[in-house]
Amino acid sequence: MTSLELRDRTKRFALSIVGLSRLLPRSMEAQVMNRQLFRSATSVASNYRAATRARSKAEFFAKISIVVEEIDEVFSGLS
């Protein structure tokens, strides 16, 4: 997978979570979870973009580790 394909995939993922968030219940508990899911999912795409603009391999790995943490947070919250 190329970096452009992964960029597009992370963007599609964020947009799909935005759509999912519209379907969630409006209870206070659900809204708290919804906000966290929304923030984590949308930050995946923005942090991946930042990683691709890294100035060194060390900076890339530091930024890509944030992407991994965020995607892990999304999926641990969904299970």
Protein backbone atom coordinates (compact mmCIF):
# COMPACT_ATOMS: atom_id res chain seq x y z
CA MET A 1 0.00 0.00 0.00
CA THR A 2 1.39 3.38 -0.96
CA SER A 3 1.39 6.41 1.30
CA LEU A 4 -1.29 8.02 -0.89
CA GLU A 5 -3.52 4.96 -0.59
CA LEU A 6 -3.06 4.94 3.17
CA ARG A 7 -3.77 8.67 3.35
CA ASP A 8 -7.03 8.12 1.47
CA ARG A 9 -7.89 5.13 3.63
CA THR A 10 -7.37 7.04 6.88
CA LYS A 11 -9.52 9.87 5.54
CA ARG A 12 -12.31 7.46 4.55
CA PHE A 13 -12.08 5.87 7.99
CA ALA A 14 -12.50 9.26 9.69
CA LEU A 15 -15.47 10.12 7.49
CA SER A 16 -17.12 6.76 8.20
CA ILE A 17 -16.80 7.38 11.94
CA VAL A 18 -18.37 10.81 11.46
CA GLY A 19 -21.31 9.06 9.80
CA LEU A 20 -21.48 6.46 12.57
CA SER A 21 -21.49 9.15 15.23
CA ARG A 22 -24.68 10.57 13.76
CA LEU A 23 -26.42 7.23 14.33
CA LEU A 24 -25.52 6.83 18.00
CA PRO A 25 -28.07 7.45 20.75
CA ARG A 26 -28.39 10.90 22.30
CA SER A 27 -28.09 9.78 25.93
CA MET A 28 -25.46 11.52 28.04
CA GLU A 29 -23.39 8.33 28.35
CA ALA A 30 -23.47 7.65 24.62
CA GLN A 31 -22.51 11.24 23.83
CA VAL A 32 -19.42 11.02 26.07
CA MET A 33 -18.33 7.87 24.23
CA ASN A 34 -19.27 9.43 20.90
CA ARG A 35 -17.06 12.48 21.47
CA GLN A 36 -14.06 10.35 22.37
CA LEU A 37 -14.61 8.03 19.40
CA PHE A 38 -15.01 11.03 17.09
CA ARG A 39 -11.81 12.72 18.33
CA SER A 40 -9.70 9.57 18.14
CA ALA A 41 -10.94 8.52 14.71
CA THR A 42 -10.54 11.91 13.10
CA SER A 43 -7.08 12.37 14.59
CA VAL A 44 -5.89 9.20 12.83
CA ALA A 45 -6.03 10.92 9.43
CA SER A 46 -4.50 14.19 10.61
CA ASN A 47 -1.70 12.47 12.51
CA TYR A 48 -0.93 10.21 9.54
CA ARG A 49 -0.66 13.28 7.35
CA ALA A 50 1.72 14.83 9.88
CA ALA A 51 3.79 11.63 9.89
CA THR A 52 4.17 11.72 6.11
CA ARG A 53 5.61 15.23 6.43
CA ALA A 54 8.22 14.21 9.00
CA ARG A 55 11.72 15.58 8.48
CA SER A 56 13.54 12.46 9.70
CA LYS A 57 12.96 8.75 10.25
CA ALA A 58 12.90 9.30 13.99
CA GLU A 59 10.23 11.98 13.66
CA PHE A 60 8.23 9.73 11.32
CA PHE A 61 8.28 6.84 13.79
CA ALA A 62 7.31 9.12 16.67
CA LYS A 63 4.36 10.50 14.72
CA ILE A 64 3.25 7.18 13.29
CA SER A 65 3.21 5.73 16.81
CA ILE A 66 0.58 8.36 17.67
CA VAL A 67 -1.49 7.11 14.73
CA VAL A 68 -1.23 3.56 16.05
CA GLU A 69 -2.26 4.67 19.55
CA GLU A 70 -5.29 6.54 18.22
CA ILE A 71 -6.49 3.69 16.02
CA ASP A 72 -6.05 1.32 18.95
CA GLU A 73 -8.14 3.65 21.11
CA VAL A 74 -10.90 3.67 18.50
CA PHE A 75 -11.09 -0.09 18.24
CA SER A 76 -10.76 -0.74 21.96
CA GLY A 77 -13.67 1.67 22.47
CA LEU A 78 -15.82 -0.18 19.94
CA SER A 79 -15.40 -3.59 21.52
